[in-house]
Amino acid sequence: MLSESLLAASRITDACMEISSGLLEDAAYVRGAASEHAWIGDGPDNLPTLVRSLLARVEATG
């Protein structure tokens, strides 16, 4: 049972790392090349604002 728990934890960690990596790539894209075409504002409804917020959280925990 312990080995199954460790395996599940490893799978969850891998999935979280994949999501984190994807968010970092998306945020870099929005900050860089897409910033010319994307409106980056301070409102909570902006996707770029949300991406920046998620990026800040990932960087803070990393």
C-alpha atoms as a PDB file:
ATOM      1  CA  MET A   1       0.000   0.000   0.000  1.00  0.00           C
ATOM      2  CA  LEU A   2       2.860   2.380   0.763  1.00  0.00           C
ATOM      3  CA  SER A   3       4.461   1.728  -2.610  1.00  0.00           C
ATOM      4  CA  GLU A   4       1.157   2.465  -4.360  1.00  0.00           C
ATOM      5  CA  SER A   5       0.870   5.733  -2.451  1.00  0.00           C
ATOM      6  CA  LEU A   6       4.406   6.706  -3.416  1.00  0.00           C
ATOM      7  CA  LEU A   7       3.723   5.874  -7.050  1.00  0.00           C
ATOM      8  CA  ALA A   8       0.535   7.963  -7.016  1.00  0.00           C
ATOM      9  CA  ALA A   9       2.383  10.864  -5.404  1.00  0.00           C
ATOM     10  CA  SER A  10       5.073  10.626  -8.058  1.00  0.00           C
ATOM     11  CA  ARG A  11       2.479  10.705 -10.842  1.00  0.00           C
ATOM     12  CA  ILE A  12       0.776  13.739  -9.296  1.00  0.00           C
ATOM     13  CA  THR A  13       4.124  15.497  -8.952  1.00  0.00           C
ATOM     14  CA  ASP A  14       4.959  14.768 -12.585  1.00  0.00           C
ATOM     15  CA  ALA A  15       1.584  16.102 -13.720  1.00  0.00           C
ATOM     16  CA  CYS A  16       2.002  19.262 -11.637  1.00  0.00           C
ATOM     17  CA  MET A  17       5.475  19.816 -13.069  1.00  0.00           C
ATOM     18  CA  GLU A  18       4.100  19.445 -16.601  1.00  0.00           C
ATOM     19  CA  ILE A  19       1.342  21.970 -15.863  1.00  0.00           C
ATOM     20  CA  SER A  20       3.831  24.330 -14.253  1.00  0.00           C
ATOM     21  CA  SER A  21       6.139  24.080 -17.225  1.00  0.00           C
ATOM     22  CA  GLY A  22       3.287  24.810 -19.610  1.00  0.00           C
ATOM     23  CA  LEU A  23       2.201  27.830 -17.576  1.00  0.00           C
ATOM     24  CA  LEU A  24       5.750  29.185 -17.582  1.00  0.00           C
ATOM     25  CA  GLU A  25       5.943  28.790 -21.365  1.00  0.00           C
ATOM     26  CA  ASP A  26       2.547  30.471 -21.841  1.00  0.00           C
ATOM     27  CA  ALA A  27       3.491  33.333 -19.532  1.00  0.00           C
ATOM     28  CA  ALA A  28       6.798  33.863 -21.332  1.00  0.00           C
ATOM     29  CA  TYR A  29       4.918  33.952 -24.632  1.00  0.00           C
ATOM     30  CA  VAL A  30       2.408  36.488 -23.325  1.00  0.00           C
ATOM     31  CA  ARG A  31       5.180  38.621 -21.835  1.00  0.00           C
ATOM     32  CA  GLY A  32       7.254  38.450 -24.986  1.00  0.00           C
ATOM     33  CA  ALA A  33       6.026  38.014 -28.520  1.00  0.00           C
ATOM     34  CA  ALA A  34       2.317  38.216 -27.794  1.00  0.00           C
ATOM     35  CA  SER A  35       2.557  41.367 -25.686  1.00  0.00           C
ATOM     36  CA  GLU A  36       2.365  43.460 -28.853  1.00  0.00           C
ATOM     37  CA  HIS A  37      -1.016  41.959 -29.633  1.00  0.00           C
ATOM     38  CA  ALA A  38      -2.387  41.193 -26.179  1.00  0.00           C
ATOM     39  CA  TRP A  39      -3.819  43.838 -23.931  1.00  0.00           C
ATOM     40  CA  ILE A  40      -2.032  43.614 -20.608  1.00  0.00           C
ATOM     41  CA  GLY A  41      -3.993  45.442 -17.953  1.00  0.00           C
ATOM     42  CA  ASP A  42      -4.423  45.344 -14.224  1.00  0.00           C
ATOM     43  CA  GLY A  43      -7.973  43.997 -14.120  1.00  0.00           C
ATOM     44  CA  PRO A  44      -8.698  40.536 -12.709  1.00  0.00           C
ATOM     45  CA  ASP A  45     -10.577  39.530 -15.863  1.00  0.00           C
ATOM     46  CA  ASN A  46      -7.536  39.830 -18.136  1.00  0.00           C
ATOM     47  CA  LEU A  47      -5.963  36.581 -19.216  1.00  0.00           C
ATOM     48  CA  PRO A  48      -2.479  38.144 -19.232  1.00  0.00           C
ATOM     49  CA  THR A  49      -3.032  39.374 -15.675  1.00  0.00           C
ATOM     50  CA  LEU A  50      -4.077  35.875 -14.654  1.00  0.00           C
ATOM     51  CA  VAL A  51      -1.044  34.373 -16.356  1.00  0.00           C
ATOM     52  CA  ARG A  52       1.265  36.858 -14.626  1.00  0.00           C
ATOM     53  CA  SER A  53      -0.341  36.026 -11.292  1.00  0.00           C
ATOM     54  CA  LEU A  54       0.108  32.284 -11.819  1.00  0.00           C
ATOM     55  CA  LEU A  55       3.692  32.813 -12.928  1.00  0.00           C
ATOM     56  CA  ALA A  56       4.463  34.825  -9.800  1.00  0.00           C
ATOM     57  CA  ARG A  57       3.045  32.047  -7.631  1.00  0.00           C
ATOM     58  CA  VAL A  58       5.038  29.357  -9.435  1.00  0.00           C
ATOM     59  CA  GLU A  59       8.247  31.391  -9.190  1.00  0.00           C
ATOM     60  CA  ALA A  60       7.620  32.041  -5.480  1.00  0.00           C
ATOM     61  CA  THR A  61       7.288  28.336  -4.707  1.00  0.00           C
ATOM     62  CA  GLY A  62      10.153  27.251  -6.991  1.00  0.00           C
END
